[in-house]
Amino acid sequence: MNSGSTPNVPKHVAIIMDGNGRWAKERGLPRTVGHTKGVEAVRRAVEVAGDYGIRYLTLFAFSSENWSRPEAEVSDLLGLLRRFIRRDLAELHKSNVRIKVIGDRENLKGDILPLLIEAEDTTRGNSGLTLIIAFNYGARDELTRAARRLANMVEAGELASQDITEHHLASQLDTFGIPDPDLIIRTSGEERLSNFLLWQAAYAELVFLPGYWPDFGREMFDEALRIFAARDRRFGGLSESTTAVVG
């Protein structure tokens, strides 16, 4: 599949970047090497998404559960995030990429939050690919925070509980203003969402690839897009072919 060769390109692709540790283990290397190679895969994914004209790319960079990993590994992951922003921000900005960060920002220590805010502020006016970084993110936590804000609005008399709709809840999510993902990709052969975009994934196509994230590049992205293009997305209704037969 060459760039632009298919009209059925998803507007929003989200990726669970899985398998860094296993990639390193199979090669007798430290897990840190797998994470470093994973950053290189991020760069390739952003490039390919831009080539295809994908408008939104969400990457599950660091979950709210990742804090329970060994302290040394967490420190390494945060260090990679710092280096990615410091080294790649100028190039992303030059490429007209807009960065948005989703996840819980409370209690983030040190320079992490200022770096994330700097990345957003620097690229805010860009009109190309929107790169959404899910950091300290968990879908259940996101929904809990949204419900809490709605409860506060009801308590303040700004909203009646019986008037709450799906739109009200969606408006309080971290992704408000961003279209739901059309395609969610997970690498490493695991077949689950792992607390990622649970609300937003309601009608997403799920593609699970056997390859590990450090090996992700144009070939694996192409494979996922081919699978997506072959899917019949009905959103709870009937496909055109079924309608034609029944009608």
Protein backbone atom coordinates (compact mmCIF):
# COMPACT_ATOMS: atom_id res chain seq x y z
CA MET A 1 0.00 0.00 0.00
CA ASN A 2 1.53 3.29 -1.05
CA SER A 3 0.78 6.56 0.69
CA GLY A 4 -2.51 7.96 -0.50
CA SER A 5 -3.38 4.83 -2.51
CA THR A 6 -6.59 4.10 -0.63
CA PRO A 7 -9.53 6.45 -0.09
CA ASN A 8 -10.51 4.61 3.10
CA VAL A 9 -7.90 6.17 5.37
CA PRO A 10 -9.00 6.62 8.99
CA LYS A 11 -9.23 10.15 10.29
CA HIS A 12 -8.04 9.16 13.77
CA VAL A 13 -5.70 6.30 14.61
CA ALA A 14 -4.85 5.37 18.20
CA ILE A 15 -2.03 3.00 19.10
CA ILE A 16 -1.25 0.94 22.19
CA MET A 17 2.52 0.73 21.88
CA ASP A 18 3.20 -2.66 23.42
CA GLY A 19 6.15 -5.05 23.52
CA ASN A 20 9.24 -2.96 24.25
CA GLY A 21 10.32 -5.17 27.13
CA ARG A 22 9.70 -8.44 25.32
CA TRP A 23 11.52 -7.15 22.24
CA ALA A 24 14.58 -6.47 24.40
CA LYS A 25 14.32 -9.74 26.34
CA GLU A 26 14.26 -11.85 23.18
CA ARG A 27 17.50 -10.17 22.15
CA GLY A 28 19.18 -10.49 25.54
CA LEU A 29 19.12 -6.73 26.00
CA PRO A 30 18.06 -4.53 28.94
CA ARG A 31 14.44 -3.32 28.90
CA THR A 32 15.79 0.23 28.61
CA VAL A 33 17.05 -0.57 25.12
CA GLY A 34 13.56 -1.70 24.13
CA HIS A 35 12.09 1.58 25.37
CA THR A 36 14.72 3.57 23.49
CA LYS A 37 13.94 1.69 20.29
CA GLY A 38 10.27 2.34 20.99
CA VAL A 39 10.89 6.09 20.77
CA GLU A 40 12.36 5.57 17.32
CA ALA A 41 9.15 3.74 16.37
CA VAL A 42 7.15 6.75 17.57
CA ARG A 43 9.03 8.93 15.10
CA ARG A 44 8.26 6.49 12.28
CA ALA A 45 4.59 6.30 13.22
CA VAL A 46 4.25 10.10 13.19
CA GLU A 47 5.96 10.29 9.80
CA VAL A 48 3.77 7.61 8.22
CA ALA A 49 0.58 9.08 9.69
CA GLY A 50 1.51 12.43 8.17
CA ASP A 51 2.23 10.83 4.80
CA TYR A 52 -1.24 9.24 4.74
CA GLY A 53 -3.02 12.42 5.71
CA ILE A 54 -4.28 10.95 8.98
CA ARG A 55 -5.52 13.90 11.00
CA TYR A 56 -5.20 12.54 14.55
CA LEU A 57 -2.71 10.07 16.01
CA THR A 58 -3.07 9.08 19.67
CA LEU A 59 -0.22 7.21 21.35
CA PHE A 60 -0.59 5.47 24.72
CA ALA A 61 2.73 6.67 26.12
CA PHE A 62 2.37 6.14 29.87
CA SER A 63 -0.62 4.75 31.72
CA SER A 64 -1.72 5.67 35.21
CA GLU A 65 -0.90 2.07 36.15
CA ASN A 66 2.70 2.34 34.91
CA TRP A 67 3.72 4.08 38.15
CA SER A 68 3.64 0.64 39.80
CA ARG A 69 6.57 -0.55 37.68
CA PRO A 70 10.06 -0.69 39.22
CA GLU A 71 11.30 2.79 40.10
CA ALA A 72 14.30 2.51 37.77
CA GLU A 73 12.10 1.64 34.79
CA VAL A 74 9.68 4.48 35.54
CA SER A 75 12.62 6.87 35.76
CA ASP A 76 13.89 5.62 32.42
CA LEU A 77 10.50 6.04 30.76
CA LEU A 78 10.18 9.59 32.06
CA GLY A 79 13.69 10.32 30.86
CA LEU A 80 12.80 9.14 27.38
CA LEU A 81 9.72 11.37 27.39
CA ARG A 82 11.88 14.33 28.37
CA ARG A 83 14.39 13.63 25.63
CA PHE A 84 11.68 13.08 23.03
CA ILE A 85 10.09 16.45 23.75
CA ARG A 86 13.37 18.34 24.00
CA ARG A 87 14.88 16.79 20.86
CA ASP A 88 11.82 16.37 18.66
CA LEU A 89 9.62 19.34 19.54
CA ALA A 90 11.32 21.72 17.11
CA GLU A 91 11.07 19.22 14.25
CA LEU A 92 7.43 18.42 15.03
CA HIS A 93 6.65 22.13 15.13
CA LYS A 94 8.45 22.63 11.82
CA SER A 95 6.35 19.81 10.35
CA ASN A 96 3.15 21.61 11.39
CA VAL A 97 2.28 18.92 13.98
CA ARG A 98 0.03 19.99 16.85
CA ILE A 99 0.59 18.25 20.16
CA LYS A 100 -2.14 17.60 22.72
CA VAL A 101 -1.67 15.73 25.99
CA ILE A 102 -4.45 13.75 27.68
CA GLY A 103 -4.40 12.21 31.14
CA ASP A 104 -4.46 13.29 34.76
CA ARG A 105 -2.15 16.28 35.27
CA GLU A 106 -2.54 16.57 39.01
CA ASN A 107 0.42 15.62 41.19
CA LEU A 108 2.87 15.39 38.27
CA LYS A 109 6.22 16.23 39.81
CA GLY A 110 9.34 17.95 38.58
CA ASP A 111 9.67 19.22 35.04
CA ILE A 112 7.28 16.77 33.37
CA LEU A 113 4.14 18.94 33.45
CA PRO A 114 5.95 22.12 32.31
CA LEU A 115 7.46 20.16 29.41
CA LEU A 116 4.06 18.82 28.36
CA ILE A 117 2.54 22.30 28.56
CA GLU A 118 5.45 23.73 26.54
CA ALA A 119 4.89 21.14 23.81
CA GLU A 120 1.19 22.04 23.63
CA ASP A 121 1.75 25.79 23.72
CA THR A 122 4.51 25.75 21.11
CA THR A 123 2.45 23.81 18.58
CA ARG A 124 -1.02 25.12 19.41
CA GLY A 125 -1.40 27.07 16.17
CA ASN A 126 -0.31 24.24 13.87
CA SER A 127 -2.84 22.82 11.41
CA GLY A 128 -1.33 19.49 10.37
CA LEU A 129 -1.40 16.16 12.17
CA THR A 130 -2.60 16.36 15.77
CA LEU A 131 -0.37 14.12 17.89
CA ILE A 132 -2.19 13.18 21.10
CA ILE A 133 0.06 11.84 23.84
CA ALA A 134 -1.77 9.83 26.49
CA PHE A 135 0.40 10.37 29.57
CA ASN A 136 -0.58 9.34 33.10
CA TYR A 137 -3.75 8.22 31.38
CA GLY A 138 -6.31 5.60 32.32
CA ALA A 139 -9.79 5.47 30.79
CA ARG A 140 -11.53 4.60 34.06
CA ASP A 141 -9.78 7.50 35.76
CA GLU A 142 -10.79 9.78 32.89
CA LEU A 143 -14.43 8.73 33.23
CA THR A 144 -14.29 9.15 36.99
CA ARG A 145 -12.90 12.66 36.68
CA ALA A 146 -15.59 13.51 34.11
CA ALA A 147 -18.36 12.19 36.38
CA ARG A 148 -16.95 14.17 39.29
CA ARG A 149 -17.04 17.39 37.28
CA LEU A 150 -20.63 16.73 36.24
CA ALA A 151 -21.56 16.09 39.88
CA ASN A 152 -19.98 19.42 40.81
CA MET A 153 -22.01 21.15 38.09
CA VAL A 154 -25.22 19.58 39.41
CA GLU A 155 -24.34 20.60 42.96
CA ALA A 156 -23.68 24.17 41.80
CA GLY A 157 -27.06 24.30 40.06
CA GLU A 158 -25.49 24.59 36.61
CA LEU A 159 -27.03 21.36 35.35
CA ALA A 160 -29.97 19.19 36.38
CA SER A 161 -29.10 15.53 36.88
CA GLN A 162 -32.05 14.36 34.77
CA ASP A 163 -30.80 16.46 31.86
CA ILE A 164 -27.37 14.82 31.65
CA THR A 165 -26.77 13.27 28.23
CA GLU A 166 -23.93 11.44 26.52
CA HIS A 167 -22.82 14.80 25.14
CA HIS A 168 -22.47 16.24 28.63
CA LEU A 169 -20.24 13.37 29.70
CA ALA A 170 -18.20 13.49 26.49
CA SER A 171 -17.68 17.21 26.98
CA GLN A 172 -15.87 16.52 30.25
CA LEU A 173 -13.48 13.92 28.84
CA ASP A 174 -9.83 14.70 28.10
CA THR A 175 -10.53 14.15 24.40
CA PHE A 176 -13.35 16.68 24.05
CA GLY A 177 -13.13 18.29 20.61
CA ILE A 178 -11.24 15.33 19.14
CA PRO A 179 -13.14 12.82 16.99
CA ASP A 180 -13.34 9.28 18.33
CA PRO A 181 -10.70 6.94 16.90
CA ASP A 182 -11.66 5.06 13.77
CA LEU A 183 -8.86 2.55 14.25
CA ILE A 184 -7.08 1.31 17.36
CA ILE A 185 -3.88 -0.66 16.82
CA ARG A 186 -2.15 -2.76 19.45
CA THR A 187 1.22 -4.34 18.86
CA SER A 188 2.84 -7.42 20.48
CA GLY A 189 -0.05 -9.82 19.87
CA GLU A 190 -2.00 -8.88 23.00
CA GLU A 191 -5.72 -8.50 22.31
CA ARG A 192 -7.19 -6.13 24.86
CA LEU A 193 -7.64 -2.38 25.36
CA SER A 194 -5.94 -2.21 28.76
CA ASN A 195 -7.96 0.76 30.04
CA PHE A 196 -7.34 2.85 26.92
CA LEU A 197 -10.02 5.14 25.44
CA LEU A 198 -12.87 2.94 26.66
CA TRP A 199 -15.60 5.51 25.95
CA GLN A 200 -14.09 6.71 22.69
CA ALA A 201 -13.50 3.17 21.37
CA ALA A 202 -17.21 2.34 21.19
CA TYR A 203 -17.21 2.03 17.38
CA ALA A 204 -13.49 1.85 16.65
CA GLU A 205 -12.06 -0.94 14.53
CA LEU A 206 -9.52 -2.94 16.55
CA VAL A 207 -6.43 -4.36 14.87
CA PHE A 208 -3.97 -6.51 16.84
CA LEU A 209 -0.57 -6.99 15.28
CA PRO A 210 1.91 -9.69 16.36
CA GLY A 211 5.02 -7.53 15.97
CA TYR A 212 6.56 -5.67 18.90
CA TRP A 213 6.42 -1.90 19.06
CA PRO A 214 10.17 -1.26 18.45
CA ASP A 215 9.71 -2.90 15.02
CA PHE A 216 6.72 -0.73 14.11
CA GLY A 217 7.14 1.21 10.90
CA ARG A 218 5.61 1.75 7.50
CA GLU A 219 5.12 -1.96 6.75
CA MET A 220 3.19 -2.66 9.96
CA PHE A 221 1.22 0.57 9.64
CA ASP A 222 0.31 -0.41 6.07
CA GLU A 223 -0.88 -3.81 7.26
CA ALA A 224 -3.15 -2.24 9.88
CA LEU A 225 -4.57 0.20 7.32
CA ARG A 226 -5.23 -2.63 4.85
CA ILE A 227 -7.16 -4.52 7.52
CA PHE A 228 -9.10 -1.36 8.39
CA ALA A 229 -9.95 -0.67 4.74
CA ALA A 230 -11.45 -4.17 4.41
CA ARG A 231 -13.77 -3.74 7.39
CA ASP A 232 -17.48 -3.01 6.95
CA ARG A 233 -18.22 -0.26 9.45
CA ARG A 234 -21.95 -0.24 10.24
CA PHE A 235 -22.13 1.72 13.53
CA GLY A 236 -25.04 -0.44 14.68
CA GLY A 237 -26.90 -0.26 11.37
CA LEU A 238 -26.85 -2.35 8.22
CA SER A 239 -24.17 -2.35 5.57
CA GLU A 240 -24.99 -1.09 2.10
CA SER A 241 -24.72 -4.64 0.69
CA THR A 242 -27.12 -6.00 3.32
CA THR A 243 -29.54 -3.17 2.74
CA ALA A 244 -29.52 -3.83 -0.98
CA VAL A 245 -30.37 -7.51 -0.46
CA VAL A 246 -33.08 -6.89 2.12
CA GLY A 247 -34.60 -3.99 0.27
